PDB file of N, CA and C in Angstrom:
ATOM      1  N   LYS A   1      13.703 -21.832  76.643  1.00  0.00           N
ATOM      2  CA  LYS A   1      12.947 -20.607  76.806  1.00  0.00           C
ATOM      3  C   LYS A   1      13.569 -19.816  77.952  1.00  0.00           C
ATOM      4  N   TYR A   2      13.455 -18.515  77.819  1.00  0.00           N
ATOM      5  CA  TYR A   2      14.048 -17.623  78.823  1.00  0.00           C
ATOM      6  C   TYR A   2      12.939 -17.008  79.664  1.00  0.00           C
ATOM      7  N   PHE A   3      13.165 -16.953  80.977  1.00  0.00           N
ATOM      8  CA  PHE A   3      12.170 -16.402  81.879  1.00  0.00           C
ATOM      9  C   PHE A   3      12.788 -15.257  82.675  1.00  0.00           C
ATOM     10  N   GLY A   4      11.938 -14.316  83.082  1.00  0.00           N
ATOM     11  CA  GLY A   4      12.345 -13.248  84.000  1.00  0.00           C
ATOM     12  C   GLY A   4      13.478 -12.402  83.467  1.00  0.00           C
ATOM     13  N   ALA A   5      14.528 -12.224  84.325  1.00  0.00           N
ATOM     14  CA  ALA A   5      15.643 -11.336  84.019  1.00  0.00           C
ATOM     15  C   ALA A   5      16.509 -11.884  82.882  1.00  0.00           C
ATOM     16  N   ALA A   6      16.436 -13.175  82.599  1.00  0.00           N
ATOM     17  CA  ALA A   6      17.230 -13.753  81.515  1.00  0.00           C
ATOM     18  C   ALA A   6      16.849 -13.147  80.171  1.00  0.00           C
ATOM     19  N   ARG A   7      15.627 -12.651  80.053  1.00  0.00           N
ATOM     20  CA  ARG A   7      15.206 -12.024  78.804  1.00  0.00           C
ATOM     21  C   ARG A   7      15.980 -10.746  78.543  1.00  0.00           C
ATOM     22  N   ASP A   8      16.491 -10.100  79.577  1.00  0.00           N
ATOM     23  CA  ASP A   8      17.194  -8.838  79.415  1.00  0.00           C
ATOM     24  C   ASP A   8      18.678  -9.033  79.098  1.00  0.00           C
ATOM     25  N   LEU A   9      19.149 -10.240  79.052  1.00  0.00           N
ATOM     26  CA  LEU A   9      20.551 -10.478  78.723  1.00  0.00           C
ATOM     27  C   LEU A   9      20.822 -10.083  77.267  1.00  0.00           C
ATOM     28  N   PRO A  10      22.075  -9.678  76.968  1.00  0.00           N
ATOM     29  CA  PRO A  10      22.398  -9.276  75.596  1.00  0.00           C
ATOM     30  C   PRO A  10      22.170 -10.432  74.614  1.00  0.00           C
ATOM     31  N   GLY A  11      21.532 -10.132  73.517  1.00  0.00           N
ATOM     32  CA  GLY A  11      21.291 -11.119  72.478  1.00  0.00           C
ATOM     33  C   GLY A  11      20.017 -11.910  72.646  1.00  0.00           C
ATOM     34  N   VAL A  12      19.459 -11.973  73.861  1.00  0.00           N
ATOM     35  CA  VAL A  12      18.241 -12.750  74.083  1.00  0.00           C
ATOM     36  C   VAL A  12      17.043 -12.008  73.540  1.00  0.00           C
ATOM     37  N   ARG A  13      17.011 -10.688  73.759  1.00  0.00           N
ATOM     38  CA  ARG A  13      15.860  -9.902  73.291  1.00  0.00           C
ATOM     39  C   ARG A  13      15.721 -10.029  71.771  1.00  0.00           C
ATOM     40  N   GLU A  14      16.855 -10.066  71.048  1.00  0.00           N
ATOM     41  CA  GLU A  14      16.812 -10.182  69.584  1.00  0.00           C
ATOM     42  C   GLU A  14      16.199 -11.518  69.149  1.00  0.00           C
ATOM     43  N   LEU A  15      16.356 -12.534  69.964  1.00  0.00           N
ATOM     44  CA  LEU A  15      15.767 -13.829  69.636  1.00  0.00           C
ATOM     45  C   LEU A  15      14.244 -13.772  69.632  1.00  0.00           C
ATOM     46  N   PHE A  16      13.683 -12.923  70.512  1.00  0.00           N
ATOM     47  CA  PHE A  16      12.231 -12.820  70.614  1.00  0.00           C
ATOM     48  C   PHE A  16      11.641 -11.803  69.643  1.00  0.00           C
ATOM     49  N   ASP A  17      12.460 -10.840  69.226  1.00  0.00           N
ATOM     50  CA  ASP A  17      11.952  -9.847  68.274  1.00  0.00           C
ATOM     51  C   ASP A  17      11.728 -10.513  66.927  1.00  0.00           C
ATOM     52  N   LYS A  18      10.598 -10.231  66.351  1.00  0.00           N
ATOM     53  CA  LYS A  18      10.303 -10.795  65.039  1.00  0.00           C
ATOM     54  C   LYS A  18      11.034  -9.960  63.992  1.00  0.00           C
ATOM     55  N   PRO A  19      11.585 -10.608  63.008  1.00  0.00           N
ATOM     56  CA  PRO A  19      12.285  -9.850  61.967  1.00  0.00           C
ATOM     57  C   PRO A  19      11.296  -8.973  61.202  1.00  0.00           C
ATOM     58  N   THR A  20      11.755  -7.795  60.842  1.00  0.00           N
ATOM     59  CA  THR A  20      10.880  -6.891  60.090  1.00  0.00           C
ATOM     60  C   THR A  20      10.736  -7.436  58.674  1.00  0.00           C
ATOM     61  N   ALA A  21       9.553  -7.325  58.178  1.00  0.00           N
ATOM     62  CA  ALA A  21       9.270  -7.818  56.833  1.00  0.00           C
ATOM     63  C   ALA A  21       9.879  -6.867  55.818  1.00  0.00           C
ATOM     64  N   GLY A  22      10.511  -7.419  54.820  1.00  0.00           N
ATOM     65  CA  GLY A  22      11.091  -6.624  53.742  1.00  0.00           C
ATOM     66  C   GLY A  22       9.977  -6.134  52.828  1.00  0.00           C
ATOM     67  N   PRO A  23      10.342  -5.588  51.715  1.00  0.00           N
ATOM     68  CA  PRO A  23       9.308  -5.129  50.785  1.00  0.00           C
ATOM     69  C   PRO A  23       8.450  -6.315  50.319  1.00  0.00           C
ATOM     70  N   ALA A  24       7.182  -6.065  50.181  1.00  0.00           N
ATOM     71  CA  ALA A  24       6.251  -7.126  49.782  1.00  0.00           C
ATOM     72  C   ALA A  24       6.606  -7.617  48.381  1.00  0.00           C
ATOM     73  N   LYS A  25       6.503  -8.914  48.172  1.00  0.00           N
ATOM     74  CA  LYS A  25       6.778  -9.477  46.861  1.00  0.00           C
ATOM     75  C   LYS A  25       5.686  -9.044  45.891  1.00  0.00           C
ATOM     76  N   ARG A  26       6.111  -8.784  44.676  1.00  0.00           N
ATOM     77  CA  ARG A  26       5.138  -8.403  43.652  1.00  0.00           C
ATOM     78  C   ARG A  26       4.403  -9.653  43.178  1.00  0.00           C
ATOM     79  N   THR A  27       3.131  -9.495  42.980  1.00  0.00           N
ATOM     80  CA  THR A  27       2.336 -10.624  42.495  1.00  0.00           C
ATOM     81  C   THR A  27       2.529 -10.754  40.986  1.00  0.00           C
ATOM     82  N   ARG A  28       2.113 -11.872  40.460  1.00  0.00           N
ATOM     83  CA  ARG A  28       2.203 -12.098  39.021  1.00  0.00           C
ATOM     84  C   ARG A  28       1.384 -11.051  38.262  1.00  0.00           C
ATOM     85  N   TYR A  29       0.249 -10.690  38.823  1.00  0.00           N
ATOM     86  CA  TYR A  29      -0.588  -9.670  38.196  1.00  0.00           C
ATOM     87  C   TYR A  29       0.145  -8.337  38.127  1.00  0.00           C
ATOM     88  N   GLU A  30       0.795  -7.948  39.222  1.00  0.00           N
ATOM     89  CA  GLU A  30       1.501  -6.671  39.239  1.00  0.00           C
ATOM     90  C   GLU A  30       2.660  -6.651  38.249  1.00  0.00           C
ATOM     91  N   MET A  31       3.321  -7.783  38.081  1.00  0.00           N
ATOM     92  CA  MET A  31       4.433  -7.834  37.136  1.00  0.00           C
ATOM     93  C   MET A  31       3.943  -7.703  35.691  1.00  0.00           C
ATOM     94  N   HIS A  32       2.798  -8.282  35.395  1.00  0.00           N
ATOM     95  CA  HIS A  32       2.282  -8.261  34.025  1.00  0.00           C
ATOM     96  C   HIS A  32       1.395  -7.054  33.738  1.00  0.00           C
ATOM     97  N   LYS A  33       1.120  -6.267  34.745  1.00  0.00           N
ATOM     98  CA  LYS A  33       0.222  -5.125  34.571  1.00  0.00           C
ATOM     99  C   LYS A  33       0.810  -4.105  33.594  1.00  0.00           C
ATOM    100  N   GLY A  34       2.111  -3.884  33.633  1.00  0.00           N
ATOM    101  CA  GLY A  34       2.728  -2.881  32.778  1.00  0.00           C
ATOM    102  C   GLY A  34       3.176  -3.392  31.423  1.00  0.00           C
ATOM    103  N   VAL A  35       2.958  -4.662  31.135  1.00  0.00           N
ATOM    104  CA  VAL A  35       3.390  -5.234  29.860  1.00  0.00           C
ATOM    105  C   VAL A  35       2.362  -4.874  28.791  1.00  0.00           C
ATOM    106  N   THR A  36       2.851  -4.246  27.726  1.00  0.00           N
ATOM    107  CA  THR A  36       1.973  -3.840  26.628  1.00  0.00           C
ATOM    108  C   THR A  36       2.194  -4.756  25.425  1.00  0.00           C
ATOM    109  N   PRO A  37       1.347  -4.661  24.419  1.00  0.00           N
ATOM    110  CA  PRO A  37       1.561  -5.458  23.207  1.00  0.00           C
ATOM    111  C   PRO A  37       2.896  -5.154  22.535  1.00  0.00           C
ATOM    112  N   ASP A  38       3.442  -3.958  22.748  1.00  0.00           N
ATOM    113  CA  ASP A  38       4.746  -3.625  22.177  1.00  0.00           C
ATOM    114  C   ASP A  38       5.829  -4.550  22.703  1.00  0.00           C
ATOM    115  N   TYR A  39       5.707  -4.993  23.930  1.00  0.00           N
ATOM    116  CA  TYR A  39       6.690  -5.890  24.536  1.00  0.00           C
ATOM    117  C   TYR A  39       6.793  -7.187  23.736  1.00  0.00           C
ATOM    118  N   TYR A  40       5.666  -7.682  23.262  1.00  0.00           N
ATOM    119  CA  TYR A  40       5.644  -8.929  22.509  1.00  0.00           C
ATOM    120  C   TYR A  40       5.878  -8.709  21.013  1.00  0.00           C
ATOM    121  N   GLY A  41       5.982  -7.452  20.582  1.00  0.00           N
ATOM    122  CA  GLY A  41       6.245  -7.147  19.182  1.00  0.00           C
ATOM    123  C   GLY A  41       5.017  -7.189  18.311  1.00  0.00           C
ATOM    124  N   TYR A  42       3.836  -7.033  18.882  1.00  0.00           N
ATOM    125  CA  TYR A  42       2.612  -7.118  18.095  1.00  0.00           C
ATOM    126  C   TYR A  42       2.417  -5.916  17.180  1.00  0.00           C
ATOM    127  N   ARG A  43       3.002  -4.774  17.503  1.00  0.00           N
ATOM    128  CA  ARG A  43       2.798  -3.571  16.687  1.00  0.00           C
ATOM    129  C   ARG A  43       4.026  -3.208  15.867  1.00  0.00           C
ATOM    130  N   ASP A  44       4.909  -4.148  15.619  1.00  0.00           N
ATOM    131  CA  ASP A  44       6.111  -3.852  14.857  1.00  0.00           C
ATOM    132  C   ASP A  44       5.815  -3.526  13.402  1.00  0.00           C
ATOM    133  N   ASP A  45       4.727  -4.031  12.882  1.00  0.00           N
ATOM    134  CA  ASP A  45       4.400  -3.815  11.474  1.00  0.00           C
ATOM    135  C   ASP A  45       3.755  -2.461  11.221  1.00  0.00           C
ATOM    136  N   ASP A  46       3.350  -1.758  12.240  1.00  0.00           N
ATOM    137  CA  ASP A  46       2.600  -0.523  12.067  1.00  0.00           C
ATOM    138  C   ASP A  46       3.414   0.612  11.466  1.00  0.00           C
ATOM    139  N   ASP A  47       4.713   0.685  11.741  1.00  0.00           N
ATOM    140  CA  ASP A  47       5.484   1.829  11.268  1.00  0.00           C
ATOM    141  C   ASP A  47       6.090   1.627   9.882  1.00  0.00           C
ATOM    142  N   GLY A  48       6.084   0.439   9.338  1.00  0.00           N
ATOM    143  CA  GLY A  48       6.564   0.177   7.995  1.00  0.00           C
ATOM    144  C   GLY A  48       8.064  -0.059   7.894  1.00  0.00           C
ATOM    145  N   VAL A  49       8.804   0.177   8.944  1.00  0.00           N
ATOM    146  CA  VAL A  49      10.257  -0.014   8.907  1.00  0.00           C
ATOM    147  C   VAL A  49      10.599  -1.484   8.726  1.00  0.00           C
ATOM    148  N   LEU A  50       9.922  -2.325   9.455  1.00  0.00           N
ATOM    149  CA  LEU A  50      10.197  -3.754   9.387  1.00  0.00           C
ATOM    150  C   LEU A  50       9.874  -4.312   7.998  1.00  0.00           C
ATOM    151  N   ALA A  51       8.830  -3.817   7.384  1.00  0.00           N
ATOM    152  CA  ALA A  51       8.434  -4.305   6.059  1.00  0.00           C
ATOM    153  C   ALA A  51       9.524  -4.031   5.031  1.00  0.00           C
ATOM    154  N   LYS A  52      10.198  -2.878   5.147  1.00  0.00           N
ATOM    155  CA  LYS A  52      11.266  -2.525   4.215  1.00  0.00           C
ATOM    156  C   LYS A  52      12.415  -3.530   4.322  1.00  0.00           C
ATOM    157  N   TYR A  53      12.816  -3.867   5.539  1.00  0.00           N
ATOM    158  CA  TYR A  53      13.889  -4.835   5.738  1.00  0.00           C
ATOM    159  C   TYR A  53      13.468  -6.231   5.281  1.00  0.00           C
ATOM    160  N   GLU A  54      12.207  -6.574   5.503  1.00  0.00           N
ATOM    161  CA  GLU A  54      11.728  -7.886   5.092  1.00  0.00           C
ATOM    162  C   GLU A  54      11.742  -8.012   3.570  1.00  0.00           C
ATOM    163  N   ARG A  55      11.356  -6.943   2.867  1.00  0.00           N
ATOM    164  CA  ARG A  55      11.360  -6.984   1.406  1.00  0.00           C
ATOM    165  C   ARG A  55      12.768  -7.217   0.869  1.00  0.00           C
ATOM    166  N   LYS A  56      13.759  -6.519   1.449  1.00  0.00           N
ATOM    167  CA  LYS A  56      15.140  -6.680   0.999  1.00  0.00           C
ATOM    168  C   LYS A  56      15.626  -8.107   1.251  1.00  0.00           C
ATOM    169  N   ALA A  57      15.376  -8.618   2.439  1.00  0.00           N
ATOM    170  CA  ALA A  57      15.821  -9.967   2.784  1.00  0.00           C
ATOM    171  C   ALA A  57      15.101 -11.005   1.930  1.00  0.00           C
ATOM    172  N   GLU A  58      13.827 -10.781   1.691  1.00  0.00           N
ATOM    173  CA  GLU A  58      13.046 -11.732   0.895  1.00  0.00           C
ATOM    174  C   GLU A  58      13.559 -11.767  -0.545  1.00  0.00           C
ATOM    175  N   ALA A  59      13.883 -10.606  -1.110  1.00  0.00           N
ATOM    176  CA  ALA A  59      14.400 -10.555  -2.480  1.00  0.00           C
ATOM    177  C   ALA A  59      15.743 -11.268  -2.574  1.00  0.00           C
ATOM    178  N   LYS A  60      16.595 -11.074  -1.575  1.00  0.00           N
ATOM    179  CA  LYS A  60      17.907 -11.716  -1.559  1.00  0.00           C
ATOM    180  C   LYS A  60      17.773 -13.239  -1.496  1.00  0.00           C
ATOM    181  N   ILE A  61      16.913 -13.711  -0.615  1.00  0.00           N
ATOM    182  CA  ILE A  61      16.702 -15.155  -0.466  1.00  0.00           C
ATOM    183  C   ILE A  61      16.062 -15.741  -1.722  1.00  0.00           C
ATOM    184  N   ARG A  62      15.117 -14.985  -2.305  1.00  0.00           N
ATOM    185  CA  ARG A  62      14.442 -15.472  -3.512  1.00  0.00           C
ATOM    186  C   ARG A  62      15.445 -15.650  -4.647  1.00  0.00           C
ATOM    187  N   LYS A  63      16.365 -14.675  -4.818  1.00  0.00           N
ATOM    188  CA  LYS A  63      17.380 -14.790  -5.863  1.00  0.00           C
ATOM    189  C   LYS A  63      18.255 -16.012  -5.636  1.00  0.00           C
ATOM    190  N   LYS A  64      18.626 -16.252  -4.398  1.00  0.00           N
ATOM    191  CA  LYS A  64      19.475 -17.393  -4.068  1.00  0.00           C
ATOM    192  C   LYS A  64      18.766 -18.708  -4.383  1.00  0.00           C
ATOM    193  N   VAL A  65      17.505 -18.803  -3.993  1.00  0.00           N
ATOM    194  CA  VAL A  65      16.741 -20.035  -4.220  1.00  0.00           C
ATOM    195  C   VAL A  65      16.522 -20.262  -5.708  1.00  0.00           C
ATOM    196  N   ILE A  66      16.243 -19.208  -6.448  1.00  0.00           N
ATOM    197  CA  ILE A  66      16.025 -19.352  -7.893  1.00  0.00           C
ATOM    198  C   ILE A  66      17.313 -19.787  -8.578  1.00  0.00           C
ATOM    199  N   ALA A  67      18.443 -19.214  -8.138  1.00  0.00           N
ATOM    200  CA  ALA A  67      19.734 -19.605  -8.723  1.00  0.00           C
ATOM    201  C   ALA A  67      20.009 -21.075  -8.445  1.00  0.00           C
ATOM    202  N   GLU A  68      19.735 -21.534  -7.235  1.00  0.00           N
ATOM    203  CA  GLU A  68      19.922 -22.952  -6.909  1.00  0.00           C
ATOM    204  C   GLU A  68      19.010 -23.832  -7.745  1.00  0.00           C
ATOM    205  N   TRP A  69      17.791 -23.384  -7.967  1.00  0.00           N
ATOM    206  CA  TRP A  69      16.835 -24.158  -8.759  1.00  0.00           C
ATOM    207  C   TRP A  69      17.320 -24.282 -10.204  1.00  0.00           C
ATOM    208  N   HIS A  70      17.791 -23.150 -10.773  1.00  0.00           N
ATOM    209  CA  HIS A  70      18.308 -23.191 -12.144  1.00  0.00           C
ATOM    210  C   HIS A  70      19.508 -24.126 -12.244  1.00  0.00           C
ATOM    211  N   LYS A  71      20.366 -24.111 -11.242  1.00  0.00           N
ATOM    212  CA  LYS A  71      21.538 -24.983 -11.229  1.00  0.00           C
ATOM    213  C   LYS A  71      21.103 -26.445 -11.213  1.00  0.00           C
ATOM    214  N   GLN A  72      20.106 -26.760 -10.409  1.00  0.00           N
ATOM    215  CA  GLN A  72      19.604 -28.135 -10.348  1.00  0.00           C
ATOM    216  C   GLN A  72      18.976 -28.547 -11.677  1.00  0.00           C
ATOM    217  N   GLN A  73      18.256 -27.611 -12.297  1.00  0.00           N
ATOM    218  CA  GLN A  73      17.629 -27.920 -13.589  1.00  0.00           C
ATOM    219  C   GLN A  73      18.685 -28.204 -14.651  1.00  0.00           C
ATOM    220  N   GLU A  74      19.766 -27.411 -14.639  1.00  0.00           N
ATOM    221  CA  GLU A  74      20.844 -27.630 -15.598  1.00  0.00           C
ATOM    222  C   GLU A  74      21.494 -29.000 -15.374  1.00  0.00           C
ATOM    223  N   GLN A  75      21.687 -29.368 -14.086  1.00  0.00           N
ATOM    224  CA  GLN A  75      22.280 -30.676 -13.789  1.00  0.00           C
ATOM    225  C   GLN A  75      21.382 -31.810 -14.242  1.00  0.00           C
ATOM    226  N   ARG A  76      20.086 -31.636 -14.091  1.00  0.00           N
ATOM    227  CA  ARG A  76      19.137 -32.668 -14.532  1.00  0.00           C
ATOM    228  C   ARG A  76      19.161 -32.828 -16.052  1.00  0.00           C
ATOM    229  N   GLU A  77      19.208 -31.667 -16.755  1.00  0.00           N
ATOM    230  CA  GLU A  77      19.216 -31.705 -18.216  1.00  0.00           C
ATOM    231  C   GLU A  77      20.498 -32.351 -18.734  1.00  0.00           C
ATOM    232  N   GLU A  78      21.627 -32.074 -18.062  1.00  0.00           N
ATOM    233  CA  GLU A  78      22.880 -32.691 -18.458  1.00  0.00           C
ATOM    234  C   GLU A  78      22.837 -34.196 -18.213  1.00  0.00           C
ATOM    235  N   GLY A  79      22.184 -34.592 -17.134  1.00  0.00           N
ATOM    236  CA  GLY A  79      22.107 -36.010 -16.793  1.00  0.00           C
ATOM    237  C   GLY A  79      21.204 -36.781 -17.742  1.00  0.00           C
ATOM    238  N   THR A  80      20.132 -36.196 -18.219  1.00  0.00           N
ATOM    239  CA  THR A  80      19.215 -36.897 -19.115  1.00  0.00           C
ATOM    240  C   THR A  80      19.715 -36.883 -20.558  1.00  0.00           C
ATOM    241  N   SER A  81      20.492 -35.858 -20.963  1.00  0.00           N
ATOM    242  CA  SER A  81      20.960 -35.803 -22.340  1.00  0.00           C
ATOM    243  C   SER A  81      22.236 -36.616 -22.552  1.00  0.00           C
ATOM    244  N   ALA A  82      22.896 -36.990 -21.472  1.00  0.00           N
ATOM    245  CA  ALA A  82      24.140 -37.738 -21.612  1.00  0.00           C
ATOM    246  C   ALA A  82      23.928 -39.217 -21.759  1.00  0.00           C
TER     247      ALA A  82
END
């Protein structure tokens, strides 16, 4: 510890000065305050754009699955008739 005139020496005063606090940390509440349902994608179905893409993808996948099913059925029929 420094007493008397030793406190006035260069660098000693800075040891006693408390550091200034930076910006306050945001709380969890403050971070989530501005989050809307749009952030989580809850309203993506409202505009109809997503439904159009889903229909196209669903039709493509359905055709693929049906083609695979028909192929399997043909293989089964060939296996039982042989």
